[in-house]
């Protein structure tokens, strides 16, 4: 009898071991070639959040996998495939670029590929029309960015606007939201200029020919750091009296070191951010401790509070905190697909508040539906601010 009891206990214990994974892998998929600054900032934000949780997720150890899609959507798809084949891959974290997440949105959700978005702002990314939506964002959202930029520009007495947009899904997403926002001000015939990645200085000057001819006084720009730098420099070189109101793509690279303060100032450059960074926000015990922890882990990048691509770190940290908190409500099994589904459901049903750098998050996500298009958006209009690069190349929020 004792032998039978012992065997039953052993069998039960064996099942328990089989039912629990030994560790999880967290994948980072970003452009570490053209936009290393934003990629590192996102990664560091998540890693600080995990370090504060002893690098565990639901009590299990975590390993990190860092991949470089180099701004190529096909390479990003290969990285998604690699993640899906990994029996320990729990979550896939995107980077600065929206196109991979927009192009493969159906594939991501049909594959139940649990995805976190701490930067890419394309409107369609989180709006897969189904409750089986596996993409969660804590970042600015193009559905709201256009209105905020336009409202700010109108307050600055913008009279004759022009749109300068990169010819990608991200640019088109912003075109729609900006056009709608401008129409609300009675501006129904606003000029537009589209450009591809990889333009040179001469092409940047040519892009401004239409704006110069139309005598515009403000430019709404949707560009990455490389192309954005060329456009801002061209405005100054041509001596145009134009104020530039930009999406935040320019902060994802080395824009501020490439474009001197005098040129940025001449172009009256403003850009959108979320409403916290270490450099210009009020210091609290909480955010000071986060900064201290980041400095201990990454002393070369956190010499002072003027860090590169600050929103990447802030969003990565806050989204990491939310993800870790959700995992505490999950009983993990040996099936990674089941675990990803359980994490999705946990993210959609959180009740306990989570302290972040931007704010305290109360039920940041819910089940997606047509009547709740922002269900997978952790930030809202109240979390958007405008910023400038100041004379020491730091991102300084001018709205708090």
Protein backbone atom coordinates (compact mmCIF):
# COMPACT_ATOMS: atom_id res chain seq x y z
CA UNK A 1 0.00 0.00 0.00
CA UNK A 2 2.80 2.40 0.92
CA UNK A 3 4.50 1.57 -2.38
CA UNK A 4 1.33 2.49 -4.30
CA UNK A 5 0.99 5.78 -2.42
CA UNK A 6 4.66 6.55 -3.11
CA UNK A 7 4.22 5.82 -6.82
CA UNK A 8 1.11 8.02 -6.97
CA UNK A 9 2.95 10.87 -5.29
CA UNK A 10 5.90 10.43 -7.63
CA UNK A 11 3.58 10.42 -10.65
CA UNK A 12 1.80 13.54 -9.40
CA UNK A 13 5.14 15.29 -8.84
CA UNK A 14 6.30 14.31 -12.32
CA UNK A 15 3.16 15.78 -13.86
CA UNK A 16 3.72 18.99 -11.93
CA UNK A 17 7.25 19.26 -13.31
CA UNK A 18 6.06 18.57 -16.84
CA UNK A 19 3.31 21.16 -16.48
CA UNK A 20 5.70 24.03 -15.77
CA UNK A 21 8.33 25.49 -18.10
CA UNK A 22 11.80 26.06 -16.64
CA UNK A 23 12.25 29.54 -18.15
CA UNK A 24 10.88 31.98 -20.71
CA UNK A 25 12.50 33.91 -23.54
CA UNK A 26 11.65 37.54 -24.27
CA UNK A 27 12.35 38.54 -27.89
CA UNK A 28 13.34 42.04 -29.03
CA UNK A 29 12.84 42.70 -32.75
CA UNK A 30 14.00 46.16 -33.85
CA UNK A 31 16.22 48.09 -36.24
CA UNK A 32 19.60 47.93 -34.52
CA UNK A 33 21.43 49.08 -37.66
CA UNK A 34 19.76 52.36 -38.64
CA UNK A 35 18.10 53.23 -35.33
CA UNK A 36 20.23 51.66 -32.61
CA UNK A 37 19.39 54.45 -30.13
CA UNK A 38 15.68 53.63 -29.91
CA UNK A 39 16.34 49.89 -29.97
CA UNK A 40 18.73 50.09 -27.02
CA UNK A 41 16.42 52.40 -25.08
CA UNK A 42 13.48 50.01 -25.43
CA UNK A 43 15.59 47.01 -24.46
CA UNK A 44 17.05 48.79 -21.44
CA UNK A 45 13.63 49.88 -20.21
CA UNK A 46 12.33 46.32 -20.26
CA UNK A 47 15.48 44.94 -18.68
CA UNK A 48 15.33 47.37 -15.77
CA UNK A 49 11.70 46.39 -15.14
CA UNK A 50 12.67 42.71 -15.18
CA UNK A 51 15.73 43.29 -12.99
CA UNK A 52 13.47 44.89 -10.40
CA UNK A 53 11.42 41.67 -10.52
CA UNK A 54 14.58 39.53 -10.11
CA UNK A 55 14.42 38.64 -13.83
CA UNK A 56 11.45 36.40 -13.29
CA UNK A 57 8.06 36.12 -14.92
CA UNK A 58 5.45 34.41 -12.82
CA UNK A 59 8.27 32.98 -10.70
CA UNK A 60 10.18 31.61 -13.71
CA UNK A 61 13.53 32.82 -15.01
CA UNK A 62 13.76 34.99 -18.12
CA UNK A 63 16.30 35.07 -20.95
CA UNK A 64 16.47 37.80 -23.59
CA UNK A 65 16.88 37.34 -27.34
CA UNK A 66 17.92 40.42 -29.33
CA UNK A 67 17.28 40.48 -33.09
CA UNK A 68 17.98 43.11 -35.77
CA UNK A 69 15.51 43.44 -38.66
CA UNK A 70 17.47 46.45 -40.04
CA UNK A 71 14.30 48.22 -41.08
CA UNK A 72 13.35 45.35 -43.42
CA UNK A 73 9.83 43.96 -43.07
CA UNK A 74 10.80 40.60 -44.60
CA UNK A 75 13.57 40.13 -42.07
CA UNK A 76 11.14 41.03 -39.28
CA UNK A 77 8.80 38.30 -40.55
CA UNK A 78 11.66 35.78 -40.33
CA UNK A 79 12.21 36.88 -36.74
CA UNK A 80 8.53 36.31 -36.02
CA UNK A 81 8.79 32.81 -37.46
CA UNK A 82 11.82 32.11 -35.28
CA UNK A 83 9.91 33.26 -32.20
CA UNK A 84 6.91 31.06 -32.99
CA UNK A 85 9.16 27.98 -33.21
CA UNK A 86 10.72 28.64 -29.81
CA UNK A 87 9.07 26.50 -27.11
CA UNK A 88 10.16 29.06 -24.52
CA UNK A 89 9.28 32.27 -26.40
CA UNK A 90 6.64 34.05 -24.33
CA UNK A 91 6.51 37.53 -25.87
CA UNK A 92 7.73 39.40 -28.97
CA UNK A 93 8.63 43.09 -28.51
CA UNK A 94 8.66 45.43 -31.50
CA UNK A 95 10.77 48.50 -32.17
CA UNK A 96 10.52 51.89 -33.82
CA UNK A 97 9.17 50.85 -37.23
CA UNK A 98 5.43 50.45 -37.84
CA UNK A 99 5.53 48.78 -41.31
CA UNK A 100 6.43 45.24 -40.12
CA UNK A 101 3.65 45.30 -37.53
CA UNK A 102 1.11 46.68 -39.99
CA UNK A 103 2.02 44.43 -42.92
CA UNK A 104 2.00 41.26 -40.82
CA UNK A 105 -0.81 42.20 -38.46
CA UNK A 106 -3.08 39.41 -39.70
CA UNK A 107 -0.26 36.87 -39.47
CA UNK A 108 0.61 37.98 -35.93
CA UNK A 109 -2.93 37.55 -34.67
CA UNK A 110 -3.77 34.40 -36.60
CA UNK A 111 -0.55 32.86 -35.19
CA UNK A 112 -1.40 34.03 -31.65
CA UNK A 113 1.99 35.75 -31.59
CA UNK A 114 1.85 37.77 -28.38
CA UNK A 115 3.33 41.17 -29.26
CA UNK A 116 4.15 44.26 -27.20
CA UNK A 117 4.63 47.62 -28.90
CA UNK A 118 6.60 50.26 -26.95
CA UNK A 119 7.29 52.62 -29.88
CA UNK A 120 5.73 52.00 -33.33
CA UNK A 121 2.79 54.38 -33.63
CA UNK A 122 0.89 53.23 -36.74
CA UNK A 123 -2.84 53.38 -36.05
CA UNK A 124 -3.81 49.95 -37.49
CA UNK A 125 -1.25 48.04 -35.40
CA UNK A 126 -3.52 47.42 -32.40
CA UNK A 127 -6.83 47.52 -34.24
CA UNK A 128 -7.13 43.99 -35.57
CA UNK A 129 -10.93 43.63 -35.83
CA UNK A 130 -11.35 40.67 -33.52
CA UNK A 131 -11.30 39.78 -29.84
CA UNK A 132 -8.45 37.44 -30.84
CA UNK A 133 -6.13 40.44 -30.88
CA UNK A 134 -2.61 39.67 -29.62
CA UNK A 135 -0.96 43.10 -30.02
CA UNK A 136 -0.70 45.49 -27.06
CA UNK A 137 0.74 49.00 -27.25
CA UNK A 138 2.08 51.45 -24.71
CA UNK A 139 3.19 54.28 -26.96
CA UNK A 140 1.82 57.23 -28.86
CA UNK A 141 -0.92 56.30 -31.32
CA UNK A 142 -1.26 57.87 -34.75
CA UNK A 143 -5.03 57.99 -34.30
CA UNK A 144 -4.35 60.69 -31.71
CA UNK A 145 -0.99 62.18 -32.79
CA UNK A 146 -2.36 64.05 -35.81
CA UNK A 147 -4.92 65.97 -33.80
CA UNK A 148 -2.42 66.85 -31.07
CA UNK A 149 0.15 68.15 -33.57
CA UNK A 150 -2.47 70.13 -35.49
CA UNK A 151 -4.03 71.61 -32.34
CA UNK A 152 -0.59 72.70 -31.11
CA UNK A 153 0.33 74.24 -34.46
CA UNK A 154 -2.92 76.16 -34.62
CA UNK A 155 -2.23 77.58 -31.17
CA UNK A 156 1.10 78.76 -32.61
CA UNK A 157 -0.78 80.59 -35.38
CA UNK A 158 -0.11 78.18 -38.24
CA UNK A 159 -1.98 79.62 -41.24
CA UNK A 160 -0.69 77.78 -44.31
CA UNK A 161 0.27 74.15 -43.48
CA UNK A 162 1.89 71.48 -45.63
CA UNK A 163 2.39 67.76 -44.89
CA UNK A 164 5.77 66.08 -45.45
CA UNK A 165 5.35 62.31 -45.06
CA UNK A 166 7.46 59.20 -45.53
CA UNK A 167 5.84 56.91 -48.08
CA UNK A 168 5.16 53.95 -45.80
CA UNK A 169 2.18 52.53 -43.93
CA UNK A 170 3.23 54.72 -41.01
CA UNK A 171 3.19 57.86 -43.15
CA UNK A 172 -0.19 56.96 -44.63
CA UNK A 173 -1.63 56.33 -41.17
CA UNK A 174 -0.57 59.83 -40.13
CA UNK A 175 -1.82 61.37 -43.36
CA UNK A 176 -5.33 60.19 -42.54
CA UNK A 177 -5.30 61.46 -38.97
CA UNK A 178 -3.68 64.79 -39.85
CA UNK A 179 -6.07 65.37 -42.75
CA UNK A 180 -9.04 64.76 -40.46
CA UNK A 181 -7.63 67.11 -37.82
CA UNK A 182 -6.95 69.85 -40.39
CA UNK A 183 -10.45 69.52 -41.83
CA UNK A 184 -11.83 70.27 -38.37
CA UNK A 185 -10.15 73.68 -38.72
CA UNK A 186 -11.68 74.19 -42.15
CA UNK A 187 -8.44 73.37 -43.97
CA UNK A 188 -9.57 71.00 -46.71
CA UNK A 189 -6.91 71.63 -49.37
CA UNK A 190 -3.59 71.13 -47.62
CA UNK A 191 -0.57 70.28 -49.76
CA UNK A 192 1.35 67.06 -49.27
CA UNK A 193 4.76 65.73 -50.24
CA UNK A 194 5.84 62.09 -49.97
CA UNK A 195 9.37 60.72 -49.76
CA UNK A 196 11.10 57.33 -49.57
CA UNK A 197 13.72 56.13 -47.13
CA UNK A 198 17.29 56.92 -48.09
CA UNK A 199 16.92 60.40 -49.60
CA UNK A 200 20.04 62.56 -49.94
CA UNK A 201 20.51 66.29 -49.15
CA UNK A 202 19.78 67.39 -52.71
CA UNK A 203 16.56 65.35 -52.77
CA UNK A 204 15.54 66.83 -49.43
CA UNK A 205 15.84 70.34 -50.88
CA UNK A 206 13.78 69.30 -53.91
CA UNK A 207 11.07 67.94 -51.62
CA UNK A 208 10.62 71.42 -50.21
CA UNK A 209 10.10 73.01 -53.62
CA UNK A 210 6.30 72.70 -53.44
CA UNK A 211 6.15 74.00 -49.89
CA UNK A 212 8.38 76.92 -50.88
CA UNK A 213 6.24 77.70 -53.93
CA UNK A 214 3.04 77.60 -51.86
CA UNK A 215 4.62 79.91 -49.26
CA UNK A 216 3.61 77.64 -46.41
CA UNK A 217 4.35 78.76 -42.86
CA UNK A 218 4.27 75.40 -41.08
CA UNK A 219 5.23 71.85 -41.94
CA UNK A 220 3.77 68.67 -40.44
CA UNK A 221 6.57 66.13 -40.76
CA UNK A 222 6.42 62.36 -40.41
CA UNK A 223 9.97 61.06 -40.75
CA UNK A 224 12.62 58.96 -39.11
CA UNK A 225 15.81 60.46 -37.69
CA UNK A 226 17.82 60.16 -40.93
CA UNK A 227 15.35 61.67 -43.38
CA UNK A 228 14.03 64.12 -40.79
CA UNK A 229 17.52 65.51 -40.24
CA UNK A 230 17.92 66.18 -43.96
CA UNK A 231 14.54 67.89 -44.25
CA UNK A 232 15.09 70.16 -41.23
CA UNK A 233 18.58 71.05 -42.48
CA UNK A 234 17.15 71.83 -45.94
CA UNK A 235 14.57 74.21 -44.46
CA UNK A 236 17.39 76.14 -42.80
CA UNK A 237 19.66 76.03 -45.87
CA UNK A 238 16.91 77.39 -48.12
CA UNK A 239 16.17 80.15 -45.63
CA UNK A 240 12.49 79.21 -45.40
CA UNK A 241 10.42 80.84 -42.68
CA UNK A 242 8.66 77.62 -41.75
CA UNK A 243 7.89 76.11 -38.36
CA UNK A 244 8.18 72.32 -38.24
CA UNK A 245 5.82 70.18 -36.14
CA UNK A 246 7.09 66.63 -36.24
CA UNK A 247 6.11 63.14 -35.26
CA UNK A 248 8.56 61.58 -32.82
CA UNK A 249 10.32 59.36 -35.35
CA UNK A 250 13.20 61.84 -35.39
CA UNK A 251 14.02 60.97 -31.75
CA UNK A 252 14.74 57.33 -32.59
CA UNK A 253 18.26 57.93 -33.89
CA UNK A 254 21.07 60.47 -33.61
CA UNK A 255 19.10 63.43 -34.98
CA UNK A 256 20.18 65.93 -32.32
CA UNK A 257 23.88 65.31 -32.88
CA UNK A 258 23.53 65.54 -36.67
CA UNK A 259 21.38 68.70 -36.75
CA UNK A 260 22.94 71.55 -34.70
CA UNK A 261 20.86 73.56 -32.25
CA UNK A 262 21.05 76.68 -34.42
CA UNK A 263 19.42 74.89 -37.35
CA UNK A 264 16.76 73.25 -35.17
CA UNK A 265 16.03 76.61 -33.59
CA UNK A 266 15.80 78.36 -36.95
CA UNK A 267 13.26 75.77 -38.09
CA UNK A 268 11.30 76.24 -34.85
CA UNK A 269 11.22 72.47 -34.49
CA UNK A 270 8.71 70.87 -32.11
CA UNK A 271 7.83 67.19 -31.85
CA UNK A 272 5.48 64.92 -29.96
CA UNK A 273 6.36 62.75 -26.96
CA UNK A 274 4.59 61.01 -24.11
CA UNK A 275 4.45 63.12 -20.96
CA UNK A 276 7.47 61.93 -18.98
CA UNK A 277 11.21 61.89 -19.25
CA UNK A 278 13.96 61.95 -16.64
CA UNK A 279 15.48 65.18 -17.95
CA UNK A 280 12.55 67.59 -17.74
CA UNK A 281 9.84 65.98 -15.59
CA UNK A 282 9.37 66.46 -11.87
CA UNK A 283 11.60 64.19 -9.78
CA UNK A 284 9.87 61.75 -7.43
CA UNK A 285 11.23 59.01 -5.21
CA UNK A 286 9.83 56.46 -7.64
CA UNK A 287 11.29 57.77 -10.89
CA UNK A 288 14.59 58.61 -9.21
CA UNK A 289 14.89 54.99 -8.07
CA UNK A 290 14.18 53.76 -11.60
CA UNK A 291 16.89 56.06 -12.93
CA UNK A 292 19.34 54.88 -10.27
CA UNK A 293 18.62 51.24 -11.17
CA UNK A 294 19.10 52.01 -14.88
CA UNK A 295 22.37 53.79 -14.18
CA UNK A 296 23.62 50.81 -12.17
CA UNK A 297 22.81 48.45 -15.05
CA UNK A 298 23.84 50.68 -17.96
CA UNK A 299 26.38 53.24 -16.67
CA UNK A 300 27.61 54.21 -20.14
CA UNK A 301 24.15 55.22 -21.37
CA UNK A 302 22.93 56.74 -18.09
CA UNK A 303 25.75 59.14 -17.30
CA UNK A 304 23.12 61.81 -16.67
CA UNK A 305 19.40 62.26 -17.30
CA UNK A 306 19.88 63.41 -20.88
CA UNK A 307 19.54 59.91 -22.33
CA UNK A 308 19.07 59.08 -26.00
CA UNK A 309 15.59 58.18 -27.28
CA UNK A 310 14.13 58.66 -23.79
CA UNK A 311 10.60 57.62 -24.73
CA UNK A 312 11.90 54.18 -25.72
CA UNK A 313 13.20 53.56 -22.22
CA UNK A 314 10.12 55.01 -20.52
CA UNK A 315 7.66 53.00 -22.61
CA UNK A 316 9.76 49.84 -22.36
CA UNK A 317 9.91 50.14 -18.59
CA UNK A 318 6.20 50.85 -18.11
CA UNK A 319 5.11 48.11 -20.52
CA UNK A 320 7.52 45.69 -18.88
CA UNK A 321 6.04 46.46 -15.46
CA UNK A 322 2.52 45.84 -16.75
CA UNK A 323 3.53 42.58 -18.42
CA UNK A 324 5.26 41.29 -15.28
CA UNK A 325 2.26 42.23 -13.14
CA UNK A 326 -0.10 40.39 -15.52
CA UNK A 327 2.09 37.26 -15.36
CA UNK A 328 1.52 37.05 -11.62
CA UNK A 329 -2.10 36.14 -12.40
CA UNK A 330 -1.23 33.25 -14.72
CA UNK A 331 -0.68 29.56 -13.94
CA UNK A 332 1.80 28.57 -16.63
CA UNK A 333 1.82 25.15 -18.30
CA UNK A 334 4.32 23.29 -20.47
CA UNK A 335 2.50 24.50 -23.63
CA UNK A 336 3.92 27.84 -24.82
CA UNK A 337 0.89 28.59 -27.02
CA UNK A 338 -1.39 28.15 -24.05
CA UNK A 339 0.89 30.40 -22.02
CA UNK A 340 0.77 33.17 -24.62
CA UNK A 341 -3.02 32.97 -24.71
CA UNK A 342 -3.14 33.08 -20.91
CA UNK A 343 -0.89 36.16 -20.90
CA UNK A 344 -3.14 37.88 -23.45
CA UNK A 345 -6.15 37.23 -21.26
CA UNK A 346 -4.29 38.37 -18.15
CA UNK A 347 -3.31 41.66 -19.83
CA UNK A 348 -6.96 42.24 -20.75
CA UNK A 349 -8.27 41.62 -17.23
CA UNK A 350 -5.91 43.39 -14.85
CA UNK A 351 -7.51 44.93 -11.78
CA UNK A 352 -4.61 45.94 -9.52
CA UNK A 353 -2.94 49.28 -10.36
CA UNK A 354 0.62 49.30 -11.75
CA UNK A 355 2.97 52.19 -11.02
CA UNK A 356 4.80 53.45 -14.10
CA UNK A 357 6.91 56.43 -15.05
CA UNK A 358 4.21 58.13 -17.14
CA UNK A 359 1.36 57.38 -14.74
CA UNK A 360 -0.27 54.76 -12.56
CA UNK A 361 -2.03 52.31 -14.87
CA UNK A 362 -5.54 51.24 -13.95
CA UNK A 363 -6.73 48.36 -16.16
CA UNK A 364 -4.52 49.50 -19.07
CA UNK A 365 -6.00 46.98 -21.52
CA UNK A 366 -9.33 45.29 -22.17
CA UNK A 367 -10.85 42.90 -24.72
CA UNK A 368 -10.80 44.46 -28.18
CA UNK A 369 -14.06 45.15 -30.03
CA UNK A 370 -15.36 47.53 -32.69
CA UNK A 371 -16.97 49.60 -29.95
CA UNK A 372 -13.68 49.74 -28.00
CA UNK A 373 -11.00 50.52 -30.63
CA UNK A 374 -8.54 51.72 -27.96
CA UNK A 375 -8.81 48.53 -25.90
CA UNK A 376 -5.17 47.61 -26.56
CA UNK A 377 -3.80 51.13 -26.05
CA UNK A 378 -2.35 51.85 -22.60
CA UNK A 379 -1.93 55.59 -23.25
CA UNK A 380 -4.54 58.16 -24.28
CA UNK A 381 -4.75 61.79 -25.43
CA UNK A 382 -3.93 63.06 -21.94
CA UNK A 383 -0.53 61.33 -22.10
CA UNK A 384 0.67 63.28 -25.17
CA UNK A 385 2.98 66.28 -24.85
CA UNK A 386 5.08 68.45 -27.16
CA UNK A 387 8.85 68.74 -26.81
CA UNK A 388 11.96 70.35 -28.25
CA UNK A 389 15.64 69.51 -28.41
CA UNK A 390 17.29 72.16 -26.24
CA UNK A 391 20.76 73.66 -26.53
CA UNK A 392 22.46 70.62 -24.98
CA UNK A 393 20.61 68.22 -27.35
CA UNK A 394 18.26 66.99 -24.63
CA UNK A 395 14.59 66.20 -25.18
CA UNK A 396 12.78 68.85 -23.14
CA UNK A 397 9.03 68.57 -22.61
CA UNK A 398 7.26 71.89 -22.97
CA UNK A 399 3.85 70.52 -21.95
CA UNK A 400 3.57 68.68 -18.64
